[in-house]
Amino acid sequence: MEQTSRTAQRPHDRRDSPRVPFRFLARCAVDGEPFEETRGDLSIGGVFWGTSHPPHGPEVEVRVVLPGEHSEIHARGLIVGRRESGLHVRFTALGTDEELAIARYIDEVGIGWE
């Protein structure tokens, strides 16, 4: 019975934080690899990187500019999941100020737990 109720949950019920659709730059953390602009999801815990190519390594670098901000947020993350449409990345290096800025942005766009 427990298993049935767990599988019946919506995917966002398993997430640690709300996510919003977003455009950002991402690349595998490999010397010389170019950043690619991508559409995905942004949360304070990580991103979903919509990419069609397989990763070249387990770590990712992400660059984000929030609307109304002038400075770029730089973060590192670890690939924690893969789908045909992209990669799930959990931030492993993100400053407190940057994390708070992302949280404020998510609150401002009004997306959160239902």
N, C-alpha and C. Protein backbone atom coordinates (compact mmCIF):
# COMPACT_ATOMS: atom_id res chain seq x y z
N MET A 1 0.83 -1.20 0.00
CA MET A 1 0.00 0.00 0.00
C MET A 1 0.87 1.25 0.00
N GLU A 2 1.91 1.27 0.79
CA GLU A 2 2.84 2.41 0.85
C GLU A 2 3.41 2.71 -0.52
N GLN A 3 3.83 1.69 -1.24
CA GLN A 3 4.44 1.87 -2.56
C GLN A 3 3.47 2.53 -3.52
N THR A 4 2.19 2.14 -3.50
CA THR A 4 1.20 2.71 -4.39
C THR A 4 1.04 4.21 -4.16
N SER A 5 0.94 4.62 -2.90
CA SER A 5 0.77 6.05 -2.62
C SER A 5 2.02 6.84 -2.99
N ARG A 6 3.19 6.23 -2.86
CA ARG A 6 4.44 6.91 -3.19
C ARG A 6 4.53 7.13 -4.70
N THR A 7 4.14 6.13 -5.50
CA THR A 7 4.22 6.27 -6.95
C THR A 7 3.11 7.16 -7.49
N ALA A 8 2.04 7.34 -6.74
CA ALA A 8 0.95 8.19 -7.19
C ALA A 8 1.24 9.67 -6.98
N GLN A 9 2.29 9.99 -6.24
CA GLN A 9 2.62 11.40 -5.99
C GLN A 9 3.06 12.08 -7.27
N ARG A 10 2.79 13.37 -7.35
CA ARG A 10 3.30 14.14 -8.48
C ARG A 10 4.80 14.31 -8.32
N PRO A 11 5.54 14.45 -9.44
CA PRO A 11 6.99 14.54 -9.36
C PRO A 11 7.50 15.66 -8.45
N HIS A 12 6.81 16.82 -8.44
CA HIS A 12 7.34 17.91 -7.62
C HIS A 12 7.19 17.65 -6.12
N ASP A 13 6.38 16.67 -5.75
CA ASP A 13 6.26 16.34 -4.33
C ASP A 13 7.54 15.75 -3.77
N ARG A 14 8.41 15.21 -4.63
CA ARG A 14 9.65 14.61 -4.19
C ARG A 14 10.80 15.61 -4.17
N ARG A 15 10.60 16.80 -4.67
CA ARG A 15 11.67 17.77 -4.77
C ARG A 15 11.92 18.47 -3.45
N ASP A 16 13.17 18.89 -3.28
CA ASP A 16 13.53 19.60 -2.06
C ASP A 16 13.07 21.04 -2.08
N SER A 17 12.89 21.62 -3.26
CA SER A 17 12.48 23.02 -3.35
C SER A 17 11.73 23.26 -4.65
N PRO A 18 10.94 24.33 -4.70
CA PRO A 18 10.22 24.66 -5.93
C PRO A 18 11.20 24.95 -7.08
N ARG A 19 10.72 24.76 -8.29
CA ARG A 19 11.53 25.02 -9.48
C ARG A 19 10.78 25.96 -10.41
N VAL A 20 11.55 26.71 -11.18
CA VAL A 20 10.96 27.60 -12.17
C VAL A 20 11.67 27.39 -13.50
N PRO A 21 10.93 27.52 -14.61
CA PRO A 21 11.58 27.46 -15.91
C PRO A 21 12.57 28.61 -16.04
N PHE A 22 13.71 28.34 -16.66
CA PHE A 22 14.74 29.38 -16.70
C PHE A 22 15.71 29.10 -17.84
N ARG A 23 16.37 30.18 -18.32
CA ARG A 23 17.46 30.08 -19.29
C ARG A 23 18.76 30.35 -18.56
N PHE A 24 19.77 29.55 -18.82
CA PHE A 24 21.07 29.74 -18.19
C PHE A 24 22.15 29.12 -19.06
N LEU A 25 23.38 29.30 -18.68
CA LEU A 25 24.52 28.70 -19.38
C LEU A 25 25.02 27.53 -18.55
N ALA A 26 25.38 26.44 -19.22
CA ALA A 26 25.89 25.27 -18.51
C ALA A 26 26.93 24.57 -19.37
N ARG A 27 27.81 23.86 -18.69
CA ARG A 27 28.79 23.02 -19.37
C ARG A 27 29.29 21.96 -18.40
N CYS A 28 29.78 20.89 -18.94
CA CYS A 28 30.46 19.90 -18.11
C CYS A 28 31.75 20.56 -17.64
N ALA A 29 32.14 20.28 -16.42
CA ALA A 29 33.31 20.93 -15.83
C ALA A 29 34.58 20.26 -16.38
N VAL A 30 34.81 20.46 -17.65
CA VAL A 30 35.97 19.92 -18.34
C VAL A 30 36.71 21.09 -18.98
N ASP A 31 38.02 21.15 -18.80
CA ASP A 31 38.80 22.25 -19.37
C ASP A 31 38.52 22.40 -20.86
N GLY A 32 38.23 23.63 -21.27
CA GLY A 32 38.04 23.95 -22.67
C GLY A 32 36.65 23.71 -23.23
N GLU A 33 35.77 23.09 -22.48
CA GLU A 33 34.42 22.87 -23.00
C GLU A 33 33.66 24.19 -22.98
N PRO A 34 32.99 24.54 -24.09
CA PRO A 34 32.24 25.79 -24.11
C PRO A 34 30.93 25.69 -23.31
N PHE A 35 30.48 26.83 -22.81
CA PHE A 35 29.16 26.88 -22.18
C PHE A 35 28.11 26.85 -23.29
N GLU A 36 26.99 26.22 -23.01
CA GLU A 36 25.87 26.25 -23.95
C GLU A 36 24.67 26.88 -23.26
N GLU A 37 23.96 27.72 -24.02
CA GLU A 37 22.73 28.30 -23.48
C GLU A 37 21.66 27.23 -23.53
N THR A 38 20.90 27.13 -22.45
CA THR A 38 19.91 26.08 -22.35
C THR A 38 18.66 26.56 -21.65
N ARG A 39 17.59 25.88 -21.91
CA ARG A 39 16.35 26.06 -21.15
C ARG A 39 16.25 24.87 -20.22
N GLY A 40 15.84 25.15 -19.02
CA GLY A 40 15.67 24.09 -18.03
C GLY A 40 14.90 24.62 -16.86
N ASP A 41 15.13 24.03 -15.70
CA ASP A 41 14.50 24.47 -14.46
C ASP A 41 15.57 24.91 -13.49
N LEU A 42 15.25 25.91 -12.69
CA LEU A 42 16.15 26.44 -11.68
C LEU A 42 15.50 26.30 -10.32
N SER A 43 16.28 25.85 -9.34
CA SER A 43 15.83 25.82 -7.95
C SER A 43 17.02 26.21 -7.08
N ILE A 44 16.80 26.38 -5.78
CA ILE A 44 17.94 26.71 -4.92
C ILE A 44 18.87 25.52 -4.76
N GLY A 45 18.37 24.33 -5.07
CA GLY A 45 19.19 23.13 -4.91
C GLY A 45 19.92 22.68 -6.16
N GLY A 46 19.52 23.22 -7.33
CA GLY A 46 20.17 22.79 -8.55
C GLY A 46 19.38 23.20 -9.78
N VAL A 47 19.69 22.53 -10.89
CA VAL A 47 19.04 22.84 -12.16
C VAL A 47 18.71 21.55 -12.89
N PHE A 48 17.79 21.66 -13.83
CA PHE A 48 17.62 20.64 -14.84
C PHE A 48 18.17 21.24 -16.11
N TRP A 49 19.21 20.64 -16.63
CA TRP A 49 19.90 21.14 -17.82
C TRP A 49 19.33 20.41 -19.03
N GLY A 50 18.54 21.13 -19.83
CA GLY A 50 17.97 20.54 -21.03
C GLY A 50 19.03 20.44 -22.11
N THR A 51 19.64 19.29 -22.23
CA THR A 51 20.70 19.08 -23.21
C THR A 51 20.50 17.73 -23.88
N SER A 52 20.95 17.64 -25.12
CA SER A 52 20.80 16.38 -25.83
C SER A 52 22.10 15.58 -25.91
N HIS A 53 23.21 16.20 -25.50
CA HIS A 53 24.47 15.45 -25.58
C HIS A 53 24.81 14.80 -24.25
N PRO A 54 25.48 13.67 -24.29
CA PRO A 54 25.86 13.01 -23.04
C PRO A 54 26.93 13.80 -22.31
N PRO A 55 26.96 13.73 -20.99
CA PRO A 55 27.95 14.50 -20.24
C PRO A 55 29.36 13.92 -20.45
N HIS A 56 30.35 14.80 -20.34
CA HIS A 56 31.75 14.40 -20.47
C HIS A 56 32.38 14.10 -19.11
N GLY A 57 31.63 14.29 -18.06
CA GLY A 57 32.11 14.06 -16.71
C GLY A 57 30.96 14.23 -15.74
N PRO A 58 31.18 13.94 -14.46
CA PRO A 58 30.10 14.00 -13.47
C PRO A 58 29.80 15.39 -12.93
N GLU A 59 30.71 16.36 -13.15
CA GLU A 59 30.51 17.71 -12.61
C GLU A 59 30.11 18.69 -13.71
N VAL A 60 29.35 19.70 -13.28
CA VAL A 60 28.81 20.70 -14.19
C VAL A 60 29.09 22.08 -13.62
N GLU A 61 29.32 23.04 -14.50
CA GLU A 61 29.40 24.45 -14.13
C GLU A 61 28.19 25.16 -14.72
N VAL A 62 27.59 26.05 -13.92
CA VAL A 62 26.38 26.75 -14.33
C VAL A 62 26.59 28.24 -14.11
N ARG A 63 26.11 29.05 -15.06
CA ARG A 63 26.12 30.51 -14.93
C ARG A 63 24.70 31.01 -15.14
N VAL A 64 24.24 31.84 -14.20
CA VAL A 64 22.87 32.34 -14.19
C VAL A 64 22.88 33.84 -13.95
N VAL A 65 22.06 34.57 -14.70
CA VAL A 65 21.82 35.99 -14.42
C VAL A 65 20.32 36.12 -14.16
N LEU A 66 19.98 36.49 -12.93
CA LEU A 66 18.58 36.65 -12.57
C LEU A 66 18.04 37.95 -13.14
N PRO A 67 16.77 37.99 -13.54
CA PRO A 67 16.19 39.22 -14.07
C PRO A 67 16.35 40.38 -13.07
N GLY A 68 16.77 41.52 -13.59
CA GLY A 68 16.96 42.70 -12.75
C GLY A 68 18.31 42.75 -12.05
N GLU A 69 19.11 41.72 -12.17
CA GLU A 69 20.43 41.67 -11.54
C GLU A 69 21.49 41.94 -12.60
N HIS A 70 22.63 42.44 -12.14
CA HIS A 70 23.72 42.73 -13.07
C HIS A 70 24.84 41.71 -12.95
N SER A 71 24.95 41.08 -11.80
CA SER A 71 26.04 40.13 -11.62
C SER A 71 25.58 38.71 -11.94
N GLU A 72 26.53 37.93 -12.37
CA GLU A 72 26.26 36.56 -12.75
C GLU A 72 26.52 35.63 -11.56
N ILE A 73 25.65 34.65 -11.39
CA ILE A 73 25.83 33.65 -10.36
C ILE A 73 26.59 32.48 -10.98
N HIS A 74 27.67 32.08 -10.33
CA HIS A 74 28.45 30.92 -10.78
C HIS A 74 28.26 29.81 -9.77
N ALA A 75 27.98 28.61 -10.25
CA ALA A 75 27.79 27.47 -9.36
C ALA A 75 28.39 26.22 -10.00
N ARG A 76 28.73 25.29 -9.14
CA ARG A 76 29.16 23.96 -9.59
C ARG A 76 28.14 22.96 -9.09
N GLY A 77 28.00 21.88 -9.83
CA GLY A 77 27.05 20.87 -9.42
C GLY A 77 27.48 19.49 -9.85
N LEU A 78 26.75 18.53 -9.36
CA LEU A 78 27.00 17.13 -9.64
C LEU A 78 25.78 16.57 -10.37
N ILE A 79 26.01 15.84 -11.44
CA ILE A 79 24.91 15.21 -12.16
C ILE A 79 24.36 14.08 -11.29
N VAL A 80 23.08 14.18 -10.94
CA VAL A 80 22.46 13.18 -10.06
C VAL A 80 21.37 12.38 -10.75
N GLY A 81 21.07 12.72 -12.00
CA GLY A 81 20.06 11.98 -12.75
C GLY A 81 20.11 12.34 -14.22
N ARG A 82 19.62 11.43 -15.03
CA ARG A 82 19.62 11.65 -16.48
C ARG A 82 18.28 11.23 -17.05
N ARG A 83 17.83 12.01 -18.01
CA ARG A 83 16.65 11.66 -18.81
C ARG A 83 17.02 11.90 -20.25
N GLU A 84 16.20 11.44 -21.15
CA GLU A 84 16.47 11.67 -22.57
C GLU A 84 16.55 13.17 -22.89
N SER A 85 15.78 13.98 -22.16
CA SER A 85 15.73 15.41 -22.45
C SER A 85 16.76 16.24 -21.69
N GLY A 86 17.56 15.61 -20.80
CA GLY A 86 18.56 16.40 -20.10
C GLY A 86 19.08 15.76 -18.83
N LEU A 87 19.72 16.61 -18.03
CA LEU A 87 20.43 16.15 -16.84
C LEU A 87 19.93 16.86 -15.58
N HIS A 88 19.76 16.13 -14.51
CA HIS A 88 19.43 16.71 -13.21
C HIS A 88 20.75 17.00 -12.50
N VAL A 89 20.92 18.23 -12.04
CA VAL A 89 22.16 18.66 -11.42
C VAL A 89 21.86 19.20 -10.02
N ARG A 90 22.59 18.71 -9.02
CA ARG A 90 22.48 19.22 -7.65
C ARG A 90 23.69 20.11 -7.39
N PHE A 91 23.43 21.35 -6.95
CA PHE A 91 24.53 22.27 -6.66
C PHE A 91 25.40 21.71 -5.54
N THR A 92 26.70 21.79 -5.74
CA THR A 92 27.66 21.40 -4.71
C THR A 92 28.48 22.59 -4.24
N ALA A 93 28.49 23.65 -5.04
CA ALA A 93 29.21 24.88 -4.67
C ALA A 93 28.38 26.07 -5.14
N LEU A 94 27.71 26.69 -4.17
CA LEU A 94 26.88 27.87 -4.42
C LEU A 94 26.93 28.72 -3.16
N GLY A 95 27.32 29.98 -3.31
CA GLY A 95 27.44 30.86 -2.16
C GLY A 95 26.09 31.15 -1.52
N THR A 96 26.13 31.49 -0.25
CA THR A 96 24.90 31.78 0.50
C THR A 96 24.14 32.95 -0.12
N ASP A 97 24.84 34.02 -0.49
CA ASP A 97 24.18 35.18 -1.10
C ASP A 97 23.50 34.79 -2.41
N GLU A 98 24.16 33.96 -3.19
CA GLU A 98 23.59 33.53 -4.46
C GLU A 98 22.37 32.63 -4.24
N GLU A 99 22.46 31.75 -3.25
CA GLU A 99 21.33 30.89 -2.93
C GLU A 99 20.12 31.72 -2.49
N LEU A 100 20.37 32.74 -1.67
CA LEU A 100 19.29 33.62 -1.23
C LEU A 100 18.69 34.40 -2.40
N ALA A 101 19.53 34.83 -3.33
CA ALA A 101 19.04 35.55 -4.50
C ALA A 101 18.13 34.66 -5.35
N ILE A 102 18.52 33.41 -5.53
CA ILE A 102 17.68 32.47 -6.28
C ILE A 102 16.36 32.24 -5.54
N ALA A 103 16.42 32.08 -4.23
CA ALA A 103 15.19 31.87 -3.44
C ALA A 103 14.26 33.07 -3.55
N ARG A 104 14.81 34.30 -3.49
CA ARG A 104 13.98 35.50 -3.64
C ARG A 104 13.33 35.54 -5.02
N TYR A 105 14.08 35.20 -6.04
CA TYR A 105 13.55 35.20 -7.40
C TYR A 105 12.40 34.21 -7.52
N ILE A 106 12.57 33.01 -7.00
CA ILE A 106 11.51 32.00 -7.06
C ILE A 106 10.27 32.48 -6.32
N ASP A 107 10.46 33.13 -5.16
CA ASP A 107 9.32 33.68 -4.43
C ASP A 107 8.63 34.78 -5.22
N GLU A 108 9.42 35.62 -5.90
CA GLU A 108 8.84 36.73 -6.67
C GLU A 108 8.00 36.27 -7.85
N VAL A 109 8.39 35.20 -8.49
CA VAL A 109 7.60 34.74 -9.63
C VAL A 109 6.38 33.95 -9.19
N GLY A 110 6.26 33.72 -7.88
CA GLY A 110 5.03 33.16 -7.33
C GLY A 110 4.86 31.67 -7.49
N ILE A 111 5.94 30.97 -7.75
CA ILE A 111 5.82 29.52 -7.88
C ILE A 111 6.33 28.90 -6.59
N GLY A 112 5.56 27.99 -6.05
CA GLY A 112 5.95 27.34 -4.80
C GLY A 112 5.15 26.08 -4.60
N TRP A 113 5.18 25.60 -3.40
CA TRP A 113 4.41 24.38 -3.10
C TRP A 113 2.93 24.68 -3.17
N GLU A 114 2.20 23.74 -3.73
CA GLU A 114 0.75 23.91 -3.84
C GLU A 114 0.07 23.37 -2.60
